[in-house]
Amino acid sequence: MKACFGSDAKALLAGRASEAGVVCAELAHRGASGPEHAIEDKNGFVNLFNDGIFDRSSVAAIGRRWYLETPESTSSASRSACRRTRRWTPSRIS
């Protein structure tokens, strides 16, 4: 969320999202499973966050093209915000 930029919450939210990804990968490695249609199900993410509009081609592209792989996809403002956060975070954590 852009509302968190410049605050302690930005690093915390990014860290917790990363943690959740690692935990999910570990659980899957150990045999845990989840719903097969969590995105497009009538009670899934599409209906919850996208007013029921579902573009299957966008799901098929997951993991094939990354938004940040092209230089024009980042503005100088967002890069400078990240640099400031990275310098600041380790000193606050240690």
Foldseek 3Di string as FASTA:
>chain_A
DVVCQPHPVVVVVVVVVVVVVVVVVVCVVVPDDDDPPQDQPPPHDCVVPPVNDDDVVVVVCVPPDDQVPDPVSDDPVVVVSVVVCVVPPVVVVD
